[in-house]
Amino acid sequence: MALTTQTKCQVVTFDTWHRRLGHTVADTIHEMANKNLVDGLNITGELTMGERCEDYIFGKHSTHLFNDSGY
């Protein structure tokens, strides 16, 4: 007896796929989409980032030490 499942494949934006794939570089997502390397990688709209990824920017920030000279 064979069991089957069905899922809904939603078409989402490039930005959403960028976040879903762990903030993957845009060129990698382009390659996956253009070469059909991933089943269900359905992108609506343009294959570009709409705006800069804030999470990526914050992740690249260096940490700053607290100034404890006033204590």
N, C-alpha and C. Protein backbone atom coordinates (compact mmCIF):
# COMPACT_ATOMS: atom_id res chain seq x y z
N MET A 1 0.85 -1.17 0.00
CA MET A 1 0.00 0.00 0.00
C MET A 1 0.90 1.24 0.00
N ALA A 2 0.68 2.09 -0.95
CA ALA A 2 1.49 3.31 -1.06
C ALA A 2 0.79 4.46 -0.35
N LEU A 3 1.56 5.21 0.39
CA LEU A 3 1.04 6.39 1.06
C LEU A 3 1.50 7.62 0.29
N THR A 4 0.61 8.57 0.14
CA THR A 4 0.98 9.80 -0.56
C THR A 4 0.60 10.99 0.30
N THR A 5 1.30 12.07 0.09
CA THR A 5 0.98 13.31 0.77
C THR A 5 0.94 14.42 -0.26
N GLN A 6 0.25 15.44 0.10
CA GLN A 6 0.16 16.59 -0.79
C GLN A 6 0.39 17.84 0.03
N THR A 7 1.15 18.75 -0.50
CA THR A 7 1.40 20.01 0.18
C THR A 7 1.00 21.15 -0.73
N LYS A 8 0.75 22.27 -0.10
CA LYS A 8 0.46 23.47 -0.88
C LYS A 8 1.79 24.13 -1.21
N CYS A 9 2.02 24.40 -2.47
CA CYS A 9 3.21 25.12 -2.88
C CYS A 9 2.81 26.56 -3.13
N GLN A 10 3.14 27.41 -2.20
CA GLN A 10 2.83 28.81 -2.34
C GLN A 10 3.93 29.51 -3.10
N VAL A 11 3.53 30.41 -3.96
CA VAL A 11 4.50 31.25 -4.65
C VAL A 11 4.75 32.46 -3.78
N VAL A 12 6.01 32.69 -3.41
CA VAL A 12 6.36 33.81 -2.53
C VAL A 12 7.47 34.64 -3.16
N THR A 13 7.77 35.76 -2.53
CA THR A 13 8.75 36.69 -3.07
C THR A 13 10.18 36.19 -2.86
N PHE A 14 11.08 36.81 -3.59
CA PHE A 14 12.50 36.50 -3.48
C PHE A 14 13.00 36.76 -2.06
N ASP A 15 12.54 37.86 -1.45
CA ASP A 15 12.93 38.20 -0.08
C ASP A 15 12.55 37.10 0.90
N THR A 16 11.37 36.54 0.72
CA THR A 16 10.91 35.46 1.60
C THR A 16 11.81 34.23 1.47
N TRP A 17 12.16 33.87 0.22
CA TRP A 17 13.06 32.74 0.03
C TRP A 17 14.43 33.02 0.61
N HIS A 18 14.89 34.24 0.54
CA HIS A 18 16.18 34.62 1.13
C HIS A 18 16.18 34.33 2.63
N ARG A 19 15.08 34.70 3.31
CA ARG A 19 14.97 34.45 4.75
C ARG A 19 14.80 32.96 5.03
N ARG A 20 13.95 32.28 4.26
CA ARG A 20 13.70 30.85 4.48
C ARG A 20 14.97 30.01 4.32
N LEU A 21 15.84 30.43 3.43
CA LEU A 21 17.06 29.67 3.17
C LEU A 21 18.24 30.15 4.01
N GLY A 22 17.94 30.77 5.14
CA GLY A 22 18.98 31.17 6.08
C GLY A 22 19.81 32.35 5.60
N HIS A 23 19.15 33.29 4.92
CA HIS A 23 19.81 34.50 4.42
C HIS A 23 20.91 34.16 3.42
N THR A 24 20.57 33.23 2.54
CA THR A 24 21.48 32.80 1.48
C THR A 24 21.77 33.94 0.52
N VAL A 25 22.96 33.97 -0.02
CA VAL A 25 23.37 34.98 -0.98
C VAL A 25 22.43 34.94 -2.19
N ALA A 26 22.07 36.11 -2.71
CA ALA A 26 21.12 36.22 -3.82
C ALA A 26 21.56 35.42 -5.04
N ASP A 27 22.86 35.39 -5.35
CA ASP A 27 23.35 34.65 -6.51
C ASP A 27 23.06 33.16 -6.38
N THR A 28 23.13 32.63 -5.18
CA THR A 28 22.84 31.21 -4.97
C THR A 28 21.38 30.91 -5.23
N ILE A 29 20.49 31.78 -4.77
CA ILE A 29 19.05 31.59 -5.00
C ILE A 29 18.75 31.70 -6.49
N HIS A 30 19.40 32.63 -7.18
CA HIS A 30 19.24 32.75 -8.64
C HIS A 30 19.60 31.45 -9.32
N GLU A 31 20.75 30.89 -8.96
CA GLU A 31 21.21 29.65 -9.58
C GLU A 31 20.24 28.50 -9.31
N MET A 32 19.76 28.40 -8.06
CA MET A 32 18.81 27.34 -7.73
C MET A 32 17.53 27.47 -8.53
N ALA A 33 17.04 28.71 -8.70
CA ALA A 33 15.79 28.93 -9.44
C ALA A 33 15.97 28.73 -10.94
N ASN A 34 17.05 29.28 -11.50
CA ASN A 34 17.26 29.21 -12.95
C ASN A 34 17.58 27.81 -13.45
N LYS A 35 18.25 27.00 -12.63
CA LYS A 35 18.62 25.64 -13.02
C LYS A 35 17.64 24.59 -12.49
N ASN A 36 16.54 25.05 -11.86
CA ASN A 36 15.54 24.14 -11.29
C ASN A 36 16.17 23.10 -10.36
N LEU A 37 17.05 23.56 -9.48
CA LEU A 37 17.75 22.66 -8.56
C LEU A 37 16.92 22.29 -7.34
N VAL A 38 15.85 23.05 -7.08
CA VAL A 38 15.03 22.81 -5.90
C VAL A 38 13.58 22.70 -6.33
N ASP A 39 12.94 21.59 -5.98
CA ASP A 39 11.51 21.43 -6.26
C ASP A 39 10.72 22.36 -5.35
N GLY A 40 9.78 23.10 -5.93
CA GLY A 40 8.92 23.96 -5.13
C GLY A 40 9.48 25.34 -4.88
N LEU A 41 10.61 25.68 -5.48
CA LEU A 41 11.18 27.02 -5.31
C LEU A 41 10.47 27.95 -6.29
N ASN A 42 9.27 28.34 -5.89
CA ASN A 42 8.43 29.18 -6.73
C ASN A 42 8.53 30.63 -6.27
N ILE A 43 9.04 31.48 -7.15
CA ILE A 43 9.28 32.88 -6.79
C ILE A 43 8.35 33.76 -7.61
N THR A 44 7.67 34.67 -6.92
CA THR A 44 6.84 35.64 -7.60
C THR A 44 7.60 36.95 -7.69
N GLY A 45 7.37 37.70 -8.75
CA GLY A 45 8.05 38.98 -8.91
C GLY A 45 9.45 38.80 -9.45
N GLU A 46 10.27 39.81 -9.22
CA GLU A 46 11.63 39.81 -9.75
C GLU A 46 12.57 38.97 -8.90
N LEU A 47 13.62 38.49 -9.52
CA LEU A 47 14.63 37.70 -8.82
C LEU A 47 15.70 38.60 -8.22
N THR A 48 15.25 39.58 -7.46
CA THR A 48 16.18 40.49 -6.79
C THR A 48 15.67 40.76 -5.39
N MET A 49 16.58 41.21 -4.55
CA MET A 49 16.19 41.63 -3.20
C MET A 49 15.48 42.96 -3.30
N GLY A 50 14.33 43.09 -2.66
CA GLY A 50 13.58 44.34 -2.69
C GLY A 50 14.33 45.46 -2.01
N GLU A 51 14.94 45.16 -0.91
CA GLU A 51 15.73 46.13 -0.17
C GLU A 51 16.80 45.37 0.58
N ARG A 52 17.69 46.08 1.22
CA ARG A 52 18.76 45.41 1.95
C ARG A 52 18.18 44.61 3.13
N CYS A 53 18.74 43.46 3.38
CA CYS A 53 18.29 42.60 4.45
C CYS A 53 18.81 43.14 5.78
N GLU A 54 17.91 43.60 6.64
CA GLU A 54 18.32 44.17 7.93
C GLU A 54 19.01 43.14 8.82
N ASP A 55 18.52 41.92 8.82
CA ASP A 55 19.15 40.88 9.64
C ASP A 55 20.60 40.65 9.22
N TYR A 56 20.85 40.68 7.92
CA TYR A 56 22.20 40.49 7.41
C TYR A 56 23.09 41.66 7.84
N ILE A 57 22.56 42.87 7.75
CA ILE A 57 23.32 44.07 8.13
C ILE A 57 23.67 44.02 9.62
N PHE A 58 22.69 43.71 10.47
CA PHE A 58 22.93 43.65 11.91
C PHE A 58 23.91 42.52 12.25
N GLY A 59 23.85 41.43 11.52
CA GLY A 59 24.77 40.32 11.77
C GLY A 59 26.21 40.67 11.46
N LYS A 60 26.43 41.62 10.58
CA LYS A 60 27.78 42.04 10.20
C LYS A 60 28.34 43.12 11.12
N HIS A 61 27.51 43.68 12.00
CA HIS A 61 28.00 44.71 12.92
C HIS A 61 29.00 44.13 13.89
N SER A 62 30.01 44.90 14.19
CA SER A 62 30.96 44.46 15.21
C SER A 62 30.43 44.86 16.58
N THR A 63 30.84 44.15 17.59
CA THR A 63 30.37 44.48 18.94
C THR A 63 31.23 45.59 19.52
N HIS A 64 30.63 46.37 20.39
CA HIS A 64 31.34 47.46 21.03
C HIS A 64 31.36 47.19 22.54
N LEU A 65 32.50 47.43 23.14
CA LEU A 65 32.62 47.25 24.58
C LEU A 65 31.90 48.38 25.29
N PHE A 66 31.35 48.07 26.45
CA PHE A 66 30.71 49.09 27.26
C PHE A 66 31.78 49.95 27.92
N ASN A 67 31.51 51.23 28.01
CA ASN A 67 32.43 52.15 28.66
C ASN A 67 32.11 52.15 30.15
N ASP A 68 32.93 51.49 30.95
CA ASP A 68 32.64 51.37 32.38
C ASP A 68 33.49 52.34 33.20
N SER A 69 34.04 53.41 32.60
CA SER A 69 34.90 54.32 33.32
C SER A 69 34.10 55.18 34.32
N GLY A 70 32.79 55.28 34.17
CA GLY A 70 31.97 56.09 35.07
C GLY A 70 31.56 55.38 36.34
N TYR A 71 31.96 54.11 36.50
CA TYR A 71 31.53 53.35 37.67
C TYR A 71 32.52 53.42 38.78
